[in-house]
Amino acid sequence: MPLLSLLLNIVWLVCGGLVMALGWVVAGIIMALTIVGLPWTRAAFSIARYSLLPFGHRIVPRSAWTGHEDLGTGPLGTLGNLIWLVLAGWWLALGHLGAALLCAVTIIGLPFAWAHLKLAGLALWPVGRMVVPNDAAPAYSPRWR
């Protein structure tokens, strides 16, 4: 991990990253306990790891990364995202929005506020996305950076 990413990740933990990563872990545990939510459990834990140390990684559409559509990137993925949104996505997104507002109060916190906003969007619609290292991810549209 480059030095700048390491420093940003250390400050990130204090700026709400640790709390929100725990929120993602709780969401994953709740999904696993419900049995119905098992398809979202692995994704929640993967995003928990990303929300713990986001700098140096990015979220990309899985279909763009793999080069083909799969079960989670088509109509069933949309249905999965709608179910996730109702069960857990909205409260994780609200947590990230609250953390973004707190971080945006200072100039130093603006990059962390932006990271929380990106995670809030991911919290609403995570199915069909994947976390990849920045150096391994080809440059897609700026929307996915």
N, C-alpha and C. Protein backbone atom coordinates (compact mmCIF):
# COMPACT_ATOMS: atom_id res chain seq x y z
N MET A 1 0.86 -1.17 0.00
CA MET A 1 0.00 0.00 0.00
C MET A 1 0.91 1.24 0.00
N PRO A 2 0.68 2.16 -0.92
CA PRO A 2 1.49 3.38 -0.94
C PRO A 2 1.34 4.17 0.36
N LEU A 3 2.35 4.96 0.66
CA LEU A 3 2.39 5.70 1.92
C LEU A 3 1.19 6.63 2.07
N LEU A 4 0.81 7.34 1.00
CA LEU A 4 -0.33 8.26 1.08
C LEU A 4 -1.62 7.51 1.40
N SER A 5 -1.84 6.38 0.75
CA SER A 5 -3.03 5.58 1.04
C SER A 5 -3.02 5.10 2.48
N LEU A 6 -1.86 4.69 2.96
CA LEU A 6 -1.74 4.23 4.35
C LEU A 6 -2.10 5.35 5.32
N LEU A 7 -1.56 6.54 5.09
CA LEU A 7 -1.87 7.68 5.97
C LEU A 7 -3.34 8.05 5.92
N LEU A 8 -3.90 8.08 4.72
CA LEU A 8 -5.33 8.40 4.59
C LEU A 8 -6.19 7.35 5.28
N ASN A 9 -5.82 6.08 5.16
CA ASN A 9 -6.59 5.02 5.82
C ASN A 9 -6.51 5.12 7.33
N ILE A 10 -5.36 5.52 7.87
CA ILE A 10 -5.23 5.67 9.32
C ILE A 10 -6.14 6.80 9.82
N VAL A 11 -6.12 7.94 9.13
CA VAL A 11 -6.99 9.05 9.52
C VAL A 11 -8.46 8.68 9.30
N TRP A 12 -8.71 7.91 8.24
CA TRP A 12 -10.07 7.47 7.92
C TRP A 12 -10.69 6.70 9.08
N LEU A 13 -9.92 5.86 9.74
CA LEU A 13 -10.45 5.07 10.85
C LEU A 13 -11.03 5.96 11.94
N VAL A 14 -10.39 7.10 12.17
CA VAL A 14 -10.86 8.04 13.19
C VAL A 14 -12.07 8.83 12.67
N CYS A 15 -12.13 9.05 11.38
CA CYS A 15 -13.19 9.87 10.78
C CYS A 15 -14.42 9.05 10.40
N GLY A 16 -14.72 8.04 11.16
CA GLY A 16 -15.95 7.28 10.95
C GLY A 16 -15.78 5.96 10.23
N GLY A 17 -14.60 5.67 9.74
CA GLY A 17 -14.40 4.43 9.00
C GLY A 17 -14.58 3.19 9.85
N LEU A 18 -14.06 3.21 11.05
CA LEU A 18 -14.17 2.05 11.94
C LEU A 18 -15.63 1.81 12.34
N VAL A 19 -16.33 2.86 12.67
CA VAL A 19 -17.74 2.73 13.07
C VAL A 19 -18.59 2.20 11.92
N MET A 20 -18.36 2.73 10.72
CA MET A 20 -19.17 2.28 9.58
C MET A 20 -18.79 0.87 9.14
N ALA A 21 -17.52 0.50 9.28
CA ALA A 21 -17.13 -0.88 8.97
C ALA A 21 -17.84 -1.84 9.93
N LEU A 22 -17.94 -1.44 11.20
CA LEU A 22 -18.69 -2.26 12.16
C LEU A 22 -20.17 -2.34 11.77
N GLY A 23 -20.71 -1.25 11.23
CA GLY A 23 -22.09 -1.26 10.76
C GLY A 23 -22.29 -2.26 9.63
N TRP A 24 -21.33 -2.33 8.71
CA TRP A 24 -21.41 -3.30 7.63
C TRP A 24 -21.30 -4.73 8.16
N VAL A 25 -20.45 -4.94 9.17
CA VAL A 25 -20.32 -6.28 9.77
C VAL A 25 -21.63 -6.68 10.44
N VAL A 26 -22.24 -5.75 11.17
CA VAL A 26 -23.53 -6.04 11.81
C VAL A 26 -24.58 -6.37 10.75
N ALA A 27 -24.60 -5.62 9.65
CA ALA A 27 -25.55 -5.90 8.57
C ALA A 27 -25.31 -7.30 8.01
N GLY A 28 -24.05 -7.68 7.83
CA GLY A 28 -23.74 -9.02 7.34
C GLY A 28 -24.18 -10.10 8.30
N ILE A 29 -23.98 -9.88 9.59
CA ILE A 29 -24.40 -10.87 10.59
C ILE A 29 -25.92 -11.00 10.61
N ILE A 30 -26.61 -9.86 10.56
CA ILE A 30 -28.08 -9.90 10.54
C ILE A 30 -28.57 -10.63 9.30
N MET A 31 -27.94 -10.35 8.15
CA MET A 31 -28.34 -11.04 6.92
C MET A 31 -28.13 -12.55 7.05
N ALA A 32 -27.01 -12.95 7.66
CA ALA A 32 -26.73 -14.38 7.82
C ALA A 32 -27.74 -15.04 8.76
N LEU A 33 -28.12 -14.34 9.81
CA LEU A 33 -29.07 -14.91 10.78
C LEU A 33 -30.46 -15.07 10.20
N THR A 34 -30.83 -14.23 9.25
CA THR A 34 -32.18 -14.31 8.69
C THR A 34 -32.33 -15.44 7.69
N ILE A 35 -31.27 -16.06 7.29
CA ILE A 35 -31.23 -17.12 6.29
C ILE A 35 -31.64 -16.58 4.91
N VAL A 36 -32.71 -15.81 4.84
CA VAL A 36 -33.13 -15.21 3.57
C VAL A 36 -32.06 -14.25 3.06
N GLY A 37 -31.33 -13.64 3.96
CA GLY A 37 -30.33 -12.66 3.57
C GLY A 37 -28.95 -13.23 3.28
N LEU A 38 -28.81 -14.55 3.27
CA LEU A 38 -27.51 -15.17 3.03
C LEU A 38 -26.83 -14.70 1.74
N PRO A 39 -27.57 -14.47 0.65
CA PRO A 39 -26.89 -14.00 -0.56
C PRO A 39 -26.16 -12.66 -0.39
N TRP A 40 -26.56 -11.86 0.57
CA TRP A 40 -25.96 -10.54 0.78
C TRP A 40 -24.86 -10.55 1.85
N THR A 41 -24.71 -11.64 2.56
CA THR A 41 -23.77 -11.71 3.67
C THR A 41 -22.34 -11.51 3.20
N ARG A 42 -21.92 -12.24 2.21
CA ARG A 42 -20.53 -12.14 1.73
C ARG A 42 -20.25 -10.74 1.20
N ALA A 43 -21.20 -10.16 0.48
CA ALA A 43 -21.02 -8.81 -0.04
C ALA A 43 -20.90 -7.80 1.10
N ALA A 44 -21.69 -7.97 2.13
CA ALA A 44 -21.63 -7.04 3.27
C ALA A 44 -20.27 -7.11 3.95
N PHE A 45 -19.73 -8.32 4.12
CA PHE A 45 -18.40 -8.45 4.74
C PHE A 45 -17.30 -7.91 3.83
N SER A 46 -17.45 -8.09 2.53
CA SER A 46 -16.48 -7.54 1.58
C SER A 46 -16.49 -6.01 1.62
N ILE A 47 -17.66 -5.43 1.67
CA ILE A 47 -17.77 -3.98 1.73
C ILE A 47 -17.34 -3.46 3.10
N ALA A 48 -17.52 -4.27 4.15
CA ALA A 48 -17.02 -3.89 5.48
C ALA A 48 -15.50 -3.75 5.44
N ARG A 49 -14.83 -4.68 4.77
CA ARG A 49 -13.38 -4.59 4.63
C ARG A 49 -13.00 -3.34 3.83
N TYR A 50 -13.76 -3.06 2.77
CA TYR A 50 -13.50 -1.86 1.96
C TYR A 50 -13.76 -0.59 2.76
N SER A 51 -14.84 -0.57 3.55
CA SER A 51 -15.15 0.65 4.31
C SER A 51 -14.19 0.84 5.48
N LEU A 52 -13.46 -0.21 5.85
CA LEU A 52 -12.44 -0.08 6.88
C LEU A 52 -11.18 0.59 6.32
N LEU A 53 -10.80 0.22 5.11
CA LEU A 53 -9.59 0.78 4.46
C LEU A 53 -9.90 1.09 2.99
N PRO A 54 -10.61 2.18 2.70
CA PRO A 54 -11.05 2.43 1.32
C PRO A 54 -9.97 3.02 0.40
N PHE A 55 -9.01 3.73 0.96
CA PHE A 55 -8.04 4.41 0.11
C PHE A 55 -7.06 3.39 -0.46
N GLY A 56 -6.90 3.43 -1.78
CA GLY A 56 -6.08 2.45 -2.48
C GLY A 56 -6.92 1.41 -3.20
N HIS A 57 -8.24 1.50 -3.06
CA HIS A 57 -9.17 0.59 -3.73
C HIS A 57 -10.27 1.40 -4.38
N ARG A 58 -11.01 0.75 -5.25
CA ARG A 58 -12.18 1.39 -5.86
C ARG A 58 -13.25 0.34 -6.12
N ILE A 59 -14.45 0.83 -6.33
CA ILE A 59 -15.59 -0.03 -6.65
C ILE A 59 -15.81 0.05 -8.16
N VAL A 60 -15.95 -1.11 -8.79
CA VAL A 60 -16.22 -1.15 -10.23
C VAL A 60 -17.41 -2.07 -10.49
N PRO A 61 -18.11 -1.86 -11.58
CA PRO A 61 -19.17 -2.80 -11.94
C PRO A 61 -18.56 -4.16 -12.25
N ARG A 62 -19.14 -5.20 -11.71
CA ARG A 62 -18.59 -6.54 -11.92
C ARG A 62 -18.64 -6.94 -13.40
N SER A 63 -19.68 -6.53 -14.12
CA SER A 63 -19.77 -6.89 -15.54
C SER A 63 -18.67 -6.23 -16.34
N ALA A 64 -18.29 -5.00 -15.99
CA ALA A 64 -17.20 -4.32 -16.69
C ALA A 64 -15.86 -4.96 -16.33
N TRP A 65 -15.71 -5.43 -15.11
CA TRP A 65 -14.45 -6.04 -14.67
C TRP A 65 -14.25 -7.42 -15.30
N THR A 66 -15.32 -8.22 -15.29
CA THR A 66 -15.20 -9.59 -15.81
C THR A 66 -15.41 -9.66 -17.32
N GLY A 67 -16.09 -8.67 -17.88
CA GLY A 67 -16.34 -8.66 -19.32
C GLY A 67 -17.60 -9.39 -19.73
N HIS A 68 -18.39 -9.86 -18.77
CA HIS A 68 -19.65 -10.53 -19.11
C HIS A 68 -20.65 -10.35 -17.98
N GLU A 69 -21.91 -10.48 -18.34
CA GLU A 69 -23.00 -10.40 -17.37
C GLU A 69 -23.04 -11.68 -16.55
N ASP A 70 -23.52 -11.59 -15.32
CA ASP A 70 -23.73 -12.77 -14.49
C ASP A 70 -25.02 -12.60 -13.72
N LEU A 71 -25.26 -13.50 -12.79
CA LEU A 71 -26.52 -13.51 -12.04
C LEU A 71 -26.77 -12.19 -11.31
N GLY A 72 -25.72 -11.58 -10.76
CA GLY A 72 -25.90 -10.36 -9.97
C GLY A 72 -25.88 -9.07 -10.76
N THR A 73 -25.60 -9.14 -12.07
CA THR A 73 -25.53 -7.91 -12.85
C THR A 73 -26.73 -7.71 -13.77
N GLY A 74 -27.62 -8.65 -13.81
CA GLY A 74 -28.80 -8.56 -14.66
C GLY A 74 -30.05 -8.21 -13.87
N PRO A 75 -31.19 -8.65 -14.35
CA PRO A 75 -32.46 -8.35 -13.66
C PRO A 75 -32.52 -8.90 -12.23
N LEU A 76 -31.93 -10.07 -11.99
CA LEU A 76 -31.93 -10.60 -10.63
C LEU A 76 -31.07 -9.74 -9.70
N GLY A 77 -30.03 -9.14 -10.25
CA GLY A 77 -29.22 -8.22 -9.46
C GLY A 77 -30.01 -6.98 -9.06
N THR A 78 -30.84 -6.50 -9.96
CA THR A 78 -31.70 -5.36 -9.63
C THR A 78 -32.67 -5.73 -8.53
N LEU A 79 -33.26 -6.91 -8.63
CA LEU A 79 -34.17 -7.38 -7.58
C LEU A 79 -33.42 -7.52 -6.26
N GLY A 80 -32.22 -8.07 -6.32
CA GLY A 80 -31.39 -8.21 -5.12
C GLY A 80 -31.07 -6.86 -4.50
N ASN A 81 -30.78 -5.88 -5.33
CA ASN A 81 -30.51 -4.53 -4.82
C ASN A 81 -31.73 -3.92 -4.17
N LEU A 82 -32.90 -4.13 -4.74
CA LEU A 82 -34.13 -3.60 -4.14
C LEU A 82 -34.40 -4.23 -2.78
N ILE A 83 -34.18 -5.55 -2.68
CA ILE A 83 -34.38 -6.22 -1.39
C ILE A 83 -33.35 -5.72 -0.38
N TRP A 84 -32.08 -5.59 -0.81
CA TRP A 84 -31.03 -5.07 0.07
C TRP A 84 -31.37 -3.66 0.55
N LEU A 85 -31.86 -2.83 -0.36
CA LEU A 85 -32.22 -1.45 -0.03
C LEU A 85 -33.24 -1.41 1.11
N VAL A 86 -34.23 -2.27 1.04
CA VAL A 86 -35.27 -2.29 2.06
C VAL A 86 -34.74 -2.86 3.38
N LEU A 87 -33.94 -3.92 3.31
CA LEU A 87 -33.50 -4.61 4.53
C LEU A 87 -32.37 -3.89 5.26
N ALA A 88 -31.37 -3.39 4.54
CA ALA A 88 -30.21 -2.83 5.23
C ALA A 88 -29.61 -1.60 4.57
N GLY A 89 -29.82 -1.43 3.29
CA GLY A 89 -29.14 -0.37 2.56
C GLY A 89 -29.45 1.03 3.03
N TRP A 90 -30.70 1.28 3.36
CA TRP A 90 -31.07 2.65 3.72
C TRP A 90 -30.42 3.10 5.01
N TRP A 91 -30.30 2.22 6.03
CA TRP A 91 -29.72 2.68 7.28
C TRP A 91 -28.20 2.76 7.20
N LEU A 92 -27.56 1.93 6.39
CA LEU A 92 -26.12 2.08 6.18
C LEU A 92 -25.83 3.37 5.41
N ALA A 93 -26.66 3.67 4.43
CA ALA A 93 -26.49 4.92 3.67
C ALA A 93 -26.68 6.13 4.58
N LEU A 94 -27.66 6.08 5.46
CA LEU A 94 -27.86 7.19 6.40
C LEU A 94 -26.66 7.35 7.33
N GLY A 95 -26.08 6.24 7.77
CA GLY A 95 -24.88 6.31 8.60
C GLY A 95 -23.72 6.96 7.87
N HIS A 96 -23.53 6.58 6.61
CA HIS A 96 -22.46 7.19 5.82
C HIS A 96 -22.75 8.67 5.53
N LEU A 97 -24.00 9.02 5.31
CA LEU A 97 -24.34 10.43 5.09
C LEU A 97 -24.09 11.26 6.34
N GLY A 98 -24.45 10.73 7.51
CA GLY A 98 -24.17 11.43 8.76
C GLY A 98 -22.68 11.61 8.99
N ALA A 99 -21.90 10.56 8.72
CA ALA A 99 -20.45 10.66 8.87
C ALA A 99 -19.87 11.65 7.86
N ALA A 100 -20.43 11.69 6.65
CA ALA A 100 -19.96 12.64 5.64
C ALA A 100 -20.21 14.07 6.09
N LEU A 101 -21.37 14.31 6.67
CA LEU A 101 -21.67 15.67 7.16
C LEU A 101 -20.71 16.07 8.27
N LEU A 102 -20.42 15.16 9.17
CA LEU A 102 -19.48 15.47 10.25
C LEU A 102 -18.06 15.72 9.71
N CYS A 103 -17.65 14.94 8.72
CA CYS A 103 -16.31 15.12 8.14
C CYS A 103 -16.22 16.41 7.33
N ALA A 104 -17.32 16.81 6.70
CA ALA A 104 -17.29 17.98 5.82
C ALA A 104 -17.21 19.30 6.59
N VAL A 105 -17.31 19.26 7.89
CA VAL A 105 -17.25 20.48 8.69
C VAL A 105 -15.87 21.13 8.59
N THR A 106 -14.84 20.30 8.42
CA THR A 106 -13.48 20.85 8.31
C THR A 106 -12.94 20.63 6.90
N ILE A 107 -11.99 21.44 6.52
CA ILE A 107 -11.38 21.29 5.20
C ILE A 107 -10.61 19.97 5.12
N ILE A 108 -9.95 19.59 6.20
CA ILE A 108 -9.18 18.35 6.22
C ILE A 108 -10.10 17.14 6.05
N GLY A 109 -11.33 17.25 6.51
CA GLY A 109 -12.26 16.13 6.43
C GLY A 109 -12.95 15.98 5.09
N LEU A 110 -12.76 16.90 4.15
CA LEU A 110 -13.48 16.82 2.87
C LEU A 110 -13.19 15.54 2.08
N PRO A 111 -11.94 15.06 1.97
CA PRO A 111 -11.74 13.80 1.25
C PRO A 111 -12.44 12.61 1.92
N PHE A 112 -12.54 12.66 3.23
CA PHE A 112 -13.21 11.59 3.96
C PHE A 112 -14.73 11.70 3.79
N ALA A 113 -15.24 12.92 3.71
CA ALA A 113 -16.66 13.11 3.44
C ALA A 113 -17.01 12.55 2.06
N TRP A 114 -16.14 12.81 1.08
CA TRP A 114 -16.37 12.30 -0.26
C TRP A 114 -16.36 10.77 -0.26
N ALA A 115 -15.44 10.16 0.48
CA ALA A 115 -15.39 8.70 0.57
C ALA A 115 -16.66 8.15 1.22
N HIS A 116 -17.16 8.83 2.24
CA HIS A 116 -18.41 8.39 2.88
C HIS A 116 -19.58 8.51 1.90
N LEU A 117 -19.60 9.56 1.08
CA LEU A 117 -20.67 9.70 0.10
C LEU A 117 -20.63 8.58 -0.94
N LYS A 118 -19.43 8.20 -1.37
CA LYS A 118 -19.32 7.08 -2.30
C LYS A 118 -19.80 5.79 -1.65
N LEU A 119 -19.47 5.60 -0.38
CA LEU A 119 -19.93 4.42 0.33
C LEU A 119 -21.44 4.45 0.57
N ALA A 120 -22.01 5.64 0.74
CA ALA A 120 -23.47 5.74 0.89
C ALA A 120 -24.16 5.28 -0.39
N GLY A 121 -23.62 5.67 -1.54
CA GLY A 121 -24.18 5.19 -2.80
C GLY A 121 -24.05 3.69 -2.95
N LEU A 122 -22.92 3.16 -2.53
CA LEU A 122 -22.70 1.72 -2.58
C LEU A 122 -23.65 1.00 -1.61
N ALA A 123 -23.92 1.61 -0.47
CA ALA A 123 -24.82 1.00 0.51
C ALA A 123 -26.23 0.84 -0.05
N LEU A 124 -26.62 1.75 -0.92
CA LEU A 124 -27.96 1.68 -1.50
C LEU A 124 -28.07 0.64 -2.60
N TRP A 125 -26.99 0.38 -3.35
CA TRP A 125 -27.07 -0.45 -4.53
C TRP A 125 -25.78 -1.27 -4.70
N PRO A 126 -25.49 -2.25 -3.81
CA PRO A 126 -24.19 -2.94 -3.84
C PRO A 126 -24.09 -4.14 -4.78
N VAL A 127 -25.19 -4.77 -5.11
CA VAL A 127 -25.14 -6.00 -5.89
C VAL A 127 -24.66 -5.68 -7.32
N GLY A 128 -23.72 -6.48 -7.79
CA GLY A 128 -23.17 -6.26 -9.13
C GLY A 128 -21.94 -5.38 -9.14
N ARG A 129 -21.43 -5.04 -7.96
CA ARG A 129 -20.21 -4.23 -7.84
C ARG A 129 -19.13 -5.07 -7.15
N MET A 130 -17.88 -4.70 -7.36
CA MET A 130 -16.80 -5.38 -6.67
C MET A 130 -15.68 -4.40 -6.34
N VAL A 131 -14.92 -4.74 -5.29
CA VAL A 131 -13.82 -3.91 -4.81
C VAL A 131 -12.54 -4.44 -5.45
N VAL A 132 -11.78 -3.52 -6.07
CA VAL A 132 -10.51 -3.89 -6.69
C VAL A 132 -9.45 -2.86 -6.30
N PRO A 133 -8.19 -3.25 -6.28
CA PRO A 133 -7.12 -2.27 -5.99
C PRO A 133 -7.05 -1.23 -7.09
N ASN A 134 -6.69 -0.01 -6.73
CA ASN A 134 -6.58 1.07 -7.72
C ASN A 134 -5.62 0.73 -8.84
N ASP A 135 -4.49 0.13 -8.53
CA ASP A 135 -3.50 -0.15 -9.56
C ASP A 135 -3.92 -1.29 -10.48
N ALA A 136 -4.87 -2.12 -10.07
CA ALA A 136 -5.33 -3.22 -10.91
C ALA A 136 -6.56 -2.84 -11.73
N ALA A 137 -7.24 -1.77 -11.34
CA ALA A 137 -8.49 -1.38 -11.99
C ALA A 137 -8.20 -0.51 -13.21
N PRO A 138 -8.65 -0.92 -14.38
CA PRO A 138 -8.50 -0.04 -15.53
C PRO A 138 -9.39 1.18 -15.36
N ALA A 139 -9.05 2.23 -16.05
CA ALA A 139 -9.79 3.48 -15.94
C ALA A 139 -11.12 3.36 -16.66
N TYR A 140 -12.19 3.19 -15.88
CA TYR A 140 -13.53 3.20 -16.46
C TYR A 140 -13.99 4.65 -16.49
N SER A 141 -15.26 4.84 -16.57
CA SER A 141 -15.76 6.20 -16.55
C SER A 141 -15.48 6.80 -15.16
N PRO A 142 -15.37 8.12 -15.04
CA PRO A 142 -15.10 8.73 -13.74
C PRO A 142 -16.13 8.40 -12.68
N ARG A 143 -17.30 7.97 -13.08
CA ARG A 143 -18.36 7.64 -12.13
C ARG A 143 -17.92 6.51 -11.20
N TRP A 144 -17.06 5.62 -11.67
CA TRP A 144 -16.70 4.44 -10.88
C TRP A 144 -15.37 4.59 -10.17
N ARG A 145 -14.80 5.76 -10.13
CA ARG A 145 -13.50 5.95 -9.47
C ARG A 145 -13.63 6.15 -8.00
